[in-house]
Protein backbone atom coordinates (compact mmCIF):
# COMPACT_ATOMS: atom_id res chain seq x y z
CA MET A 1 80.60 107.24 61.78
CA THR A 2 79.35 105.35 58.76
CA SER A 3 75.71 104.57 58.50
CA VAL A 4 74.22 101.45 56.77
CA ALA A 5 70.60 100.34 56.18
CA PRO A 6 68.78 99.82 59.52
CA SER A 7 68.27 96.14 58.79
CA GLU A 8 71.85 95.41 58.52
CA LYS A 9 74.21 94.65 61.38
CA ILE A 10 77.14 96.94 62.18
CA ARG A 11 80.63 95.83 62.76
CA CYS A 12 82.02 97.67 65.74
CA ASP A 13 85.63 98.40 65.70
CA ALA A 14 85.88 100.06 69.06
CA CYS A 15 87.97 97.21 70.53
CA PRO A 16 89.44 93.81 69.49
CA VAL A 17 86.16 91.93 69.95
CA LEU A 18 84.70 93.38 66.88
CA CYS A 19 81.05 92.75 67.46
CA TYR A 20 78.38 92.53 64.87
CA ILE A 21 75.51 94.55 66.29
CA ALA A 22 71.86 94.52 65.14
CA ASP A 23 69.80 97.71 64.82
CA GLY A 24 68.47 98.65 68.35
CA ARG A 25 70.95 96.54 70.39
CA THR A 26 74.41 97.05 72.00
CA GLY A 27 77.58 95.37 71.68
CA ALA A 28 79.02 93.00 74.37
CA CYS A 29 80.40 95.90 76.35
CA ASP A 30 77.17 97.76 76.50
CA ARG A 31 79.02 100.88 75.44
CA TYR A 32 78.38 100.93 71.71
CA ALA A 33 75.07 100.39 69.92
CA ASN A 34 73.50 100.19 66.48
CA HIS A 35 71.18 103.14 66.39
CA GLY A 36 69.20 103.26 63.15
CA GLY A 37 72.12 101.91 61.18
CA THR A 38 74.72 104.21 62.84
CA LEU A 39 77.25 103.00 65.45
CA VAL A 40 77.07 105.42 68.45
CA ARG A 41 78.60 105.52 71.85
CA LEU A 42 75.86 105.12 74.52
CA ASP A 43 77.36 107.14 77.44
CA PRO A 44 77.12 110.90 76.98
CA LEU A 45 80.52 112.83 76.79
CA THR A 46 81.19 114.30 80.15
CA ILE A 47 82.12 117.96 80.81
CA LEU A 48 83.31 119.33 84.01
CA GLU A 49 81.72 122.86 84.83
CA ALA A 50 84.62 124.77 86.46
CA ASN A 51 82.63 127.44 88.08
CA GLN A 52 80.88 124.85 90.32
CA ARG A 53 84.04 123.07 91.26
CA ALA A 54 85.81 125.35 93.64
CA GLY A 55 87.73 123.45 96.30
CA GLY A 56 87.34 120.04 94.44
CA LYS A 57 90.22 117.86 93.21
CA LEU A 58 89.01 117.74 89.64
CA VAL A 59 91.28 119.58 87.42
CA PRO A 60 89.95 122.76 85.99
CA PHE A 61 90.88 123.94 82.42
CA LEU A 62 92.23 127.43 81.49
CA ASP A 63 91.08 130.78 82.75
CA ASN A 64 90.09 133.16 80.00
CA ASP A 65 89.58 136.01 82.45
CA LYS A 66 93.22 136.03 83.64
CA ALA A 67 95.33 138.86 82.29
CA GLU A 68 98.42 136.75 83.00
CA TRP A 69 99.25 133.08 82.51
CA ASP A 70 101.85 131.52 84.88
CA GLY A 71 102.39 128.45 82.75
CA ASP A 72 100.17 126.14 84.71
CA LEU A 73 98.30 123.94 82.22
CA LEU A 74 95.43 123.04 84.54
CA LEU A 75 95.15 126.07 86.75
CA ALA A 76 92.15 127.99 85.58
CA ASP A 77 88.28 128.11 85.61
CA ARG A 78 86.82 126.92 82.43
CA PRO A 79 84.88 123.88 81.17
CA PHE A 80 86.85 120.71 80.88
CA VAL A 81 86.03 117.92 78.51
CA THR A 82 86.64 114.59 80.14
CA ALA A 83 87.25 111.38 78.17
CA VAL A 84 84.27 109.82 79.96
CA GLY A 85 82.02 108.79 77.09
CA ALA A 86 84.39 109.92 74.47
CA GLY A 87 85.16 106.61 72.86
CA THR A 88 88.48 104.86 72.03
CA THR A 89 91.21 105.02 69.35
CA TYR A 90 91.13 101.15 68.52
CA PRO A 91 92.51 99.81 66.27
CA ASP A 92 95.30 102.22 67.52
CA TYR A 93 96.16 104.14 64.45
CA LYS A 94 93.12 106.57 64.74
CA PRO A 95 93.46 110.02 66.35
CA ALA A 96 91.74 110.47 69.61
CA PRO A 97 88.04 111.00 69.54
CA PHE A 98 88.37 114.51 70.66
CA ILE A 99 91.28 116.88 70.38
CA ILE A 100 90.07 120.17 71.81
CA SER A 101 91.64 123.56 71.85
CA GLN A 102 90.92 126.55 74.06
CA PRO A 103 92.56 130.07 73.76
CA LEU A 104 94.13 131.84 76.43
CA ARG A 105 93.69 135.65 76.85
CA THR A 106 97.36 135.96 75.94
CA GLY A 107 96.43 134.50 72.61
CA GLU A 108 98.09 131.16 73.12
CA ASP A 109 96.05 127.89 72.73
CA VAL A 110 96.08 124.91 74.91
CA VAL A 111 95.00 121.55 73.61
CA THR A 112 93.56 118.62 75.49
CA VAL A 113 93.43 115.15 73.79
CA VAL A 114 90.55 113.19 74.99
CA THR A 115 90.20 109.46 74.63
CA GLU A 116 88.95 106.44 76.41
CA GLY A 117 91.85 103.83 76.75
CA ILE A 118 91.48 100.13 76.60
CA PHE A 119 93.61 98.93 79.47
CA SER A 120 94.67 95.33 79.48
CA TYR A 121 97.66 96.30 81.59
CA CYS A 122 95.78 97.62 84.61
CA GLY A 123 94.66 96.92 88.13
CA VAL A 124 93.86 98.53 91.37
CA LYS A 125 95.55 99.11 94.72
CA VAL A 126 93.29 98.85 97.63
CA LYS A 127 94.02 100.65 101.00
CA ILE A 128 92.01 99.20 103.83
CA ASP A 129 92.14 101.11 107.13
CA THR A 130 92.18 98.59 109.86
CA ASP A 131 94.34 96.83 112.41
CA ARG A 132 92.50 93.53 111.79
CA HIS A 133 94.61 90.66 110.29
CA ILE A 134 93.08 89.89 106.97
CA GLY A 135 95.65 87.62 105.71
CA GLU A 136 99.35 86.93 105.36
CA GLU A 137 101.49 89.03 102.97
CA ARG A 138 101.23 87.42 99.44
CA ALA A 139 98.06 85.54 100.23
CA ILE A 140 95.74 85.13 97.32
CA VAL A 141 92.68 87.28 97.02
CA ARG A 142 89.72 85.67 95.48
CA VAL A 143 86.28 86.69 94.05
CA ASP A 144 83.91 83.83 93.08
CA GLY A 145 86.67 81.54 93.82
CA GLU A 146 89.06 82.95 91.27
CA ALA A 147 92.45 84.60 92.08
CA ILE A 148 92.24 88.26 91.21
CA GLY A 149 95.38 89.44 93.25
CA HIS A 150 97.15 89.24 96.42
CA VAL A 151 97.85 90.87 99.83
CA MET A 152 100.64 93.42 99.81
CA THR A 153 102.88 94.82 102.44
CA ALA A 154 101.00 96.41 105.30
CA GLU A 155 101.32 100.03 105.93
CA TYR A 156 100.68 102.26 108.95
CA GLY A 157 97.27 101.50 110.25
CA SER A 158 96.15 99.94 106.98
CA ARG A 159 96.15 96.71 104.99
CA MET A 160 96.99 96.86 101.26
CA LEU A 161 95.86 94.76 98.30
CA SER A 162 97.18 94.53 94.88
CA LEU A 163 94.33 93.45 92.49
CA GLY A 164 94.15 92.75 88.75
CA GLY A 165 97.02 93.17 86.37
CA VAL A 166 97.51 91.53 82.87
CA ASP A 167 98.49 88.05 84.39
CA HIS A 168 95.05 87.75 85.96
CA LEU A 169 93.16 89.38 83.13
CA THR A 170 94.90 87.28 80.25
CA GLY A 171 97.19 84.82 81.81
CA GLY A 172 94.88 82.41 83.54
CA SER A 173 91.55 80.77 82.53
CA LYS A 174 88.79 82.72 80.71
CA LYS A 175 86.74 82.52 84.00
CA GLU A 176 89.70 84.10 85.96
CA GLY A 177 89.99 86.90 83.34
CA ARG A 178 86.16 87.64 83.40
CA VAL A 179 85.85 87.58 87.09
CA THR A 180 88.99 89.80 87.49
CA CYS A 181 87.67 92.35 85.04
CA ALA A 182 84.20 92.36 86.63
CA ALA A 183 85.75 93.02 90.15
CA LEU A 184 88.13 95.86 88.88
CA LEU A 185 85.11 97.45 87.01
CA ALA A 186 82.86 97.30 90.06
CA LEU A 187 85.65 98.62 92.33
CA CYS A 188 86.64 101.52 90.04
CA ASN A 189 82.94 102.50 89.75
CA ARG A 190 82.69 102.65 93.52
CA GLU A 191 80.57 99.50 93.86
CA ALA A 192 81.06 96.93 96.61
CA VAL A 193 83.07 93.64 96.02
CA GLU A 194 83.07 90.69 98.15
CA MET A 195 86.16 88.86 98.40
CA THR A 196 88.13 86.29 100.28
CA ILE A 197 91.72 85.90 101.32
CA ASP A 198 93.22 82.36 101.34
CA ASP A 199 93.68 81.32 105.00
CA GLY A 200 92.44 84.76 105.90
CA ALA A 201 89.31 87.09 106.13
CA HIS A 202 86.12 87.53 104.21
CA LEU A 203 86.08 91.20 103.05
CA VAL A 204 83.57 93.60 101.52
CA VAL A 205 85.46 96.44 99.94
CA GLN A 206 83.97 99.73 98.46
CA ALA A 207 85.66 102.87 97.62
CA GLY A 208 84.98 105.57 100.16
CA LYS A 209 83.11 103.21 102.56
CA ALA A 210 84.23 101.38 105.72
CA PRO A 211 85.50 97.90 105.12
CA ILE A 212 83.53 94.80 106.43
CA ILE A 213 85.68 92.14 107.95
CA ASN A 214 84.33 88.80 108.69
CA GLY A 215 80.83 90.44 108.74
CA VAL A 216 81.81 93.25 111.08
CA THR A 217 81.94 96.79 109.73
CA GLU A 218 85.18 98.65 110.88
CA ALA A 219 84.87 101.86 112.70
CA ARG A 220 88.24 103.41 113.00
CA MET A 221 91.90 102.94 112.18
CA ARG A 222 94.60 103.10 114.67
CA VAL A 223 95.94 106.23 116.38
CA GLY A 224 99.38 104.89 115.90
CA CYS A 225 101.54 101.75 117.00
CA GLY A 226 101.61 100.83 120.52
CA SER A 227 104.99 102.68 121.16
CA ALA A 228 103.62 105.98 119.41
CA THR A 229 100.50 105.88 121.45
CA ILE A 230 102.52 105.71 124.60
CA GLY A 231 104.43 108.72 123.53
CA MET A 232 101.40 110.63 122.57
CA PHE A 233 99.41 110.08 125.77
CA ALA A 234 102.23 109.54 128.31
CA THR A 235 101.68 112.75 130.19
CA GLN A 236 98.01 112.14 130.42
CA TRP A 237 98.42 108.90 132.41
CA ILE A 238 100.90 110.27 134.80
CA GLY A 239 99.48 110.04 138.37
CA HIS A 240 96.44 107.97 137.23
CA ALA A 241 98.32 104.55 136.54
CA ASP A 242 101.45 102.98 137.45
CA GLU A 243 101.84 101.05 134.30
CA VAL A 244 100.26 101.31 130.78
CA VAL A 245 100.51 98.64 128.03
CA VAL A 246 99.23 99.59 124.53
CA VAL A 247 98.59 96.12 122.83
CA ASP A 248 99.62 96.03 119.08
CA ASP A 249 100.38 93.24 116.84
CA HIS A 250 103.38 95.12 115.45
CA ILE A 251 104.91 97.16 118.23
CA THR A 252 103.54 96.91 121.78
CA GLY A 253 104.33 99.82 123.93
CA VAL A 254 105.01 99.70 127.79
CA LEU A 255 105.02 103.17 129.55
CA SER A 256 107.48 102.57 132.41
CA GLU A 257 110.13 101.29 130.29
CA HIS A 258 109.44 103.56 127.21
CA GLN A 259 111.70 106.63 126.85
CA ALA A 260 108.63 108.88 127.55
CA GLY A 261 107.97 107.06 130.88
CA LYS A 262 111.77 107.51 131.73
CA LEU A 263 111.77 111.17 130.98
CA LEU A 264 108.64 111.56 133.11
CA ASP A 265 110.22 109.74 136.05
CA MET A 266 108.01 106.54 136.00
CA LYS A 267 108.86 104.11 138.42
CA PRO A 268 109.86 100.62 137.41
CA THR A 269 106.97 98.15 137.79
CA GLY A 270 108.56 94.65 137.35
CA ILE A 271 106.16 94.03 134.42
CA LYS A 272 107.24 91.17 131.91
CA ILE A 273 106.04 91.14 128.44
CA LYS A 274 105.84 88.14 126.23
CA GLY A 275 107.40 88.59 122.75
CA ARG A 276 110.63 89.92 121.42
CA ARG A 277 111.96 93.13 123.09
CA SER A 278 113.17 95.62 120.63
CA THR A 279 114.16 98.90 122.28
CA PRO A 280 113.09 99.84 125.87
CA GLY A 281 109.35 99.85 126.04
CA ARG A 282 108.84 98.32 122.53
CA TYR A 283 107.89 94.73 121.93
CA PHE A 284 107.48 92.79 118.74
CA GLN A 285 105.39 89.50 118.37
CA VAL A 286 103.65 89.58 121.57
CA ALA A 287 100.82 87.39 120.17
CA ALA A 288 99.69 86.00 116.79
CA PRO A 289 97.99 88.27 114.21
CA GLY A 290 94.16 88.21 114.42
CA THR A 291 91.00 90.46 114.56
CA SER A 292 90.93 91.14 118.28
CA TRP A 293 93.00 93.43 120.65
CA GLY A 294 95.52 95.60 118.47
CA GLY A 295 95.33 93.30 115.51
CA THR A 296 96.23 90.26 117.55
CA ASN A 297 94.45 87.01 118.42
CA ILE A 298 94.10 87.57 122.02
CA GLU A 299 90.82 88.25 123.92
CA ASP A 300 92.15 88.67 127.45
CA PRO A 301 95.07 91.19 127.30
CA ARG A 302 96.70 89.38 130.32
CA GLU A 303 97.72 86.64 127.90
CA ILE A 304 100.63 88.70 126.81
CA LEU A 305 101.94 89.12 130.46
CA ASN A 306 104.44 86.86 132.19
CA ALA A 307 104.69 87.10 136.09
CA PHE A 308 105.54 90.47 137.56
CA ASP A 309 108.97 90.51 139.24
CA PRO A 310 108.29 90.12 142.86
CA LYS A 311 111.44 92.23 143.65
CA ILE A 312 109.98 95.38 141.96
CA ALA A 313 106.23 94.97 141.77
CA TRP A 314 103.89 95.68 144.57
CA PRO A 315 100.32 94.96 145.60
CA GLY A 316 97.89 97.56 144.45
CA LEU A 317 99.92 98.46 141.39
CA ARG A 318 97.47 100.06 138.83
CA LEU A 319 97.72 98.70 135.32
CA LEU A 320 95.83 99.94 132.38
CA MET A 321 95.86 97.85 129.05
CA VAL A 322 94.36 99.44 125.87
CA SER A 323 94.48 98.83 122.17
CA THR A 324 95.67 101.13 119.51
CA THR A 325 92.13 102.10 118.64
CA GLY A 326 90.67 102.46 122.12
CA GLU A 327 88.10 99.99 121.25
CA GLN A 328 89.41 97.51 123.79
CA PHE A 329 90.57 98.39 127.19
CA ALA A 330 90.92 96.98 130.60
CA TYR A 331 92.15 98.03 134.12
CA PHE A 332 93.62 95.96 136.76
CA THR A 333 95.20 96.08 140.08
CA LEU A 334 97.81 93.58 141.47
CA ASP A 335 96.58 91.31 144.34
CA GLU A 336 98.69 90.10 147.18
CA ASN A 337 100.13 87.43 144.74
CA LEU A 338 101.07 90.09 142.22
CA ALA A 339 98.34 88.88 139.87
CA PRO A 340 96.35 91.38 137.85
CA GLN A 341 92.71 91.57 139.03
CA PRO A 342 89.89 93.50 137.14
CA ALA A 343 88.95 96.68 138.53
CA PRO A 344 86.62 99.51 137.50
CA LEU A 345 88.00 102.03 135.08
CA THR A 346 88.62 105.35 136.77
CA PRO A 347 87.26 108.68 135.19
CA PRO A 348 90.70 110.04 134.41
CA LEU A 349 91.98 106.96 132.60
CA GLU A 350 88.36 106.63 130.78
CA ALA A 351 88.97 110.15 129.49
CA VAL A 352 92.40 109.08 127.90
CA VAL A 353 90.94 105.91 126.40
CA GLU A 354 88.30 108.15 124.78
CA ARG A 355 90.92 110.59 123.65
CA ILE A 356 92.72 107.69 122.01
CA ALA A 357 89.50 106.80 120.15
CA GLU A 358 88.93 110.39 119.17
CA ASN A 359 92.27 110.63 117.55
CA CYS A 360 91.56 107.47 115.35
CA GLU A 361 90.33 108.50 111.94
CA PRO A 362 87.35 106.69 110.40
CA ALA A 363 88.12 103.49 108.60
CA THR A 364 87.56 103.60 104.99
CA CYS A 365 88.56 101.77 101.84
CA SER A 366 90.54 103.63 99.11
CA VAL A 367 90.69 102.26 95.54
CA LEU A 368 93.50 103.68 93.10
CA PHE A 369 93.22 102.66 89.55
CA MET A 370 96.71 102.06 88.08
CA GLY A 371 97.26 101.49 84.31
CA GLY A 372 99.90 101.70 81.67
CA ALA A 373 99.19 104.24 78.85
CA GLY A 374 100.56 102.22 75.94
CA GLY A 375 100.51 102.29 72.13
CA SER A 376 96.95 102.96 71.23
CA LEU A 377 96.69 105.76 73.65
CA ARG A 378 99.91 107.55 72.62
CA ALA A 379 99.16 106.80 68.83
CA GLY A 380 95.84 108.65 69.34
CA VAL A 381 97.83 111.71 70.37
CA THR A 382 100.80 111.68 68.06
CA GLU A 383 102.22 109.76 65.06
CA ASN A 384 105.44 109.49 67.22
CA PRO A 385 104.26 107.82 70.37
CA VAL A 386 107.55 108.21 72.18
CA ALA A 387 107.32 112.00 71.83
CA LEU A 388 104.16 112.01 74.07
CA THR A 389 106.20 109.94 76.78
CA ARG A 390 109.00 112.40 76.62
CA SER A 391 106.67 115.36 76.88
CA VAL A 392 105.02 113.94 80.06
CA ARG A 393 108.37 113.26 81.51
CA ARG A 394 109.39 117.02 80.87
CA ALA A 395 106.14 118.04 82.56
CA LEU A 396 105.11 119.78 79.12
CA THR A 397 102.09 117.48 79.08
CA ARG A 398 99.70 116.99 82.09
CA VAL A 399 97.75 113.65 82.36
CA THR A 400 94.38 113.56 83.90
CA CYS A 401 91.78 110.69 84.29
CA GLY A 402 88.14 111.85 84.01
CA GLY A 403 89.45 115.41 84.97
CA ALA A 404 91.12 114.05 88.10
CA GLU A 405 94.85 114.62 88.81
CA THR A 406 96.98 111.58 88.54
CA TYR A 407 100.28 110.31 89.76
CA ILE A 408 102.72 109.40 87.03
CA TRP A 409 105.19 106.61 88.24
CA PRO A 410 108.90 107.22 87.57
CA GLY A 411 110.79 105.26 84.90
CA GLY A 412 109.83 104.29 81.57
CA GLY A 413 106.44 104.64 79.88
CA ILE A 414 103.34 106.35 81.15
CA THR A 415 102.26 104.42 84.31
CA VAL A 416 99.29 106.36 85.77
CA MET A 417 97.57 106.02 89.17
CA VAL A 418 94.43 107.84 90.29
CA ASP A 419 91.95 107.83 93.07
CA VAL A 420 88.67 106.69 91.85
CA LEU A 421 86.81 108.92 94.24
CA ASP A 422 88.37 111.93 92.47
CA MET A 423 86.79 110.99 89.24
CA PRO A 424 83.20 111.20 87.89
CA GLU A 425 80.85 108.33 88.95
CA ASN A 426 80.72 105.46 86.51
CA ALA A 427 83.65 106.70 84.67
CA PHE A 428 84.98 103.13 83.90
CA GLY A 429 83.76 100.65 81.40
CA TYR A 430 84.93 97.22 79.98
CA VAL A 431 85.45 95.28 76.86
CA PRO A 432 85.27 91.60 77.08
CA THR A 433 88.75 90.83 75.83
CA PRO A 434 88.81 91.33 79.02
CA ALA A 435 90.13 94.81 79.71
CA LEU A 436 88.95 97.88 81.46
CA VAL A 437 88.12 101.10 79.58
CA ALA A 438 89.13 104.11 81.51
CA PRO A 439 89.10 107.93 80.49
CA ILE A 440 92.39 109.77 80.08
CA GLU A 441 93.22 113.29 78.89
CA PHE A 442 96.51 114.77 77.86
CA THR A 443 96.79 118.61 78.16
CA MET A 444 99.59 120.76 76.69
CA THR A 445 100.21 123.92 74.76
CA ARG A 446 99.31 124.06 71.00
CA ASP A 447 102.83 124.71 70.18
CA ASP A 448 104.10 121.65 72.24
CA TYR A 449 101.40 119.61 70.60
CA ALA A 450 102.50 120.44 67.23
CA ALA A 451 106.24 119.84 68.22
CA LEU A 452 105.58 116.21 69.38
CA GLY A 453 103.85 115.45 66.13
CA GLY A 454 100.24 115.66 67.20
CA HIS A 455 97.16 115.34 64.99
CA VAL A 456 96.88 118.99 64.56
CA ASP A 457 94.39 118.70 61.67
CA GLU A 458 91.96 116.95 64.08
CA ILE A 459 91.88 119.88 66.66
CA ARG A 460 88.45 121.37 67.29
CA THR A 461 87.35 124.15 69.46
CA LEU A 462 85.48 123.83 72.60
CA ASP A 463 82.57 125.68 71.13
CA ASP A 464 82.46 123.42 68.15
CA VAL A 465 82.19 120.33 70.44
CA LEU A 466 79.52 121.96 72.44
CA SER A 467 77.51 123.11 69.58
CA LYS A 468 77.43 119.84 67.71
CA GLY A 469 77.30 117.62 70.73
CA THR A 470 77.51 113.82 70.39
CA PRO A 471 74.91 111.20 69.37
CA SER A 472 74.58 110.10 72.99
CA GLY A 473 74.57 113.77 74.39
CA ILE A 474 76.62 115.67 76.77
CA ARG A 475 76.40 115.47 80.62
CA THR A 476 77.66 118.18 83.11
CA ILE A 477 79.28 117.48 86.31
CA ALA A 478 77.92 119.97 88.68
CA ARG A 479 79.88 119.24 91.90
CA GLU A 480 83.28 118.45 93.10
CA ALA A 481 84.75 114.99 93.15
CA GLY A 482 83.34 112.39 95.56
CA THR A 483 80.03 114.23 95.56
CA MET A 484 79.44 115.05 91.99
CA ALA A 485 75.90 115.22 90.44
CA ALA A 486 75.35 114.69 86.68
CA GLU A 487 72.99 116.56 84.61
CA PRO A 488 72.73 114.31 81.54
CA GLY A 489 71.94 115.78 78.00
CA PRO A 490 69.84 113.76 75.56
CA ALA A 491 71.03 110.32 75.45
CA ILE A 492 70.07 107.14 73.71
CA SER A 493 67.76 104.86 75.88
CA PRO A 494 69.36 101.53 77.23
CA LEU A 495 69.34 98.91 74.64
CA PRO A 496 69.32 95.10 74.67
CA LYS A 497 72.78 93.45 74.10
CA SER A 498 73.27 91.42 71.00
CA GLY A 499 76.92 91.73 70.11
CA GLU A 500 78.42 88.78 68.04
CA ALA A 501 82.08 88.63 68.33
CA ALA A 502 83.97 88.11 65.16
């Protein structure tokens, strides 16, 4: 980087904001600083130490000890330079900050192109493990009153959110863009974010942590829908209850009518369930969605019952009602008028309720970063950007984010998705355009890199990178993803912010 007299301001060209930065201060993003007249990247370059990552999800590099190479670009056990702390390619025509080559024992080289991308087209998909109703599908999700996304289609035992995207980052007001960017940055860096859903719940979401819904921390996700729960535990109820109802907002199960009950010779009970009957023993829409029994709004499970058929039911009939998580349960016997009356839960039934709870996985929030690797990223790899896209499609080039394996969406472009828990901590930054800054790496053989028109003249060896270091130092990740500890090298102390946008 070019140096100037310490008294002069430096114009940073790492993003479209183009800050003027005084000596000893940082730009608006807190990522670049004027250090004695030199523009430097503040965060240290992050390297994954392969020999301490056994069993982790982070992608290792290539194994120099293997006599044979099976063609897997990311199989082996060597240090891997991530793009965390690497810097960007803006204004797009520049080669990636680091293009690193490592040799195989066979003599072939493998190249990793390392860069931080400025993602205006990005967002997160959030999976919230809960049966609680958090809001209607398509309901707006807000932070600080600003729309940042919406509720997606619910999945099995989980609620889903789609947050961010270019329309929220750039298509609304300045405040909406700033709030959206700040929320995405916090979520991707594993921080807690408070949000509300229109006509729905108040949430606290944090990657790897249990969701907090309306002030209550969730403990578990469902074992299955009501019908599946009936099938899983049917044999354990036989002889201990005459009827079992598993209350569920989606599919409520009734043991005596269910095929499992039929095959186990359950006697008809004359039970009548409110809602829409689907197939035998399966009912939809038994109650409105809510935060109580099985994701419904009911507090007393008898609310979903109509009167028992007096021609079939009998006094003393034993009825167990339970939710899909085992958190709510009630036991009744029918009186002389065939009305369910509360009764003490018997030990055998208590054991099955506990078994349901045991089979429920802990509730957690999952945050997946999703972004489109567009022109600037690809131009940092090759002078012919479409060649990189084609190489990724042909599986000649592997894409990682901070060393973590990614999912590449089908179709055009390079649309990448990654679990933030698989990445190093604090792997994400931002620029106030607004956009997120995320690490991304492209790994391929040297021959394939040359064939796609790569910046071959910019290739450096790993030893060269390690020996020369960076102005902000190098940090080594010493543990696998999710529990990684960083050992920073020499880095510049935090500086005050003074970026003046052009």
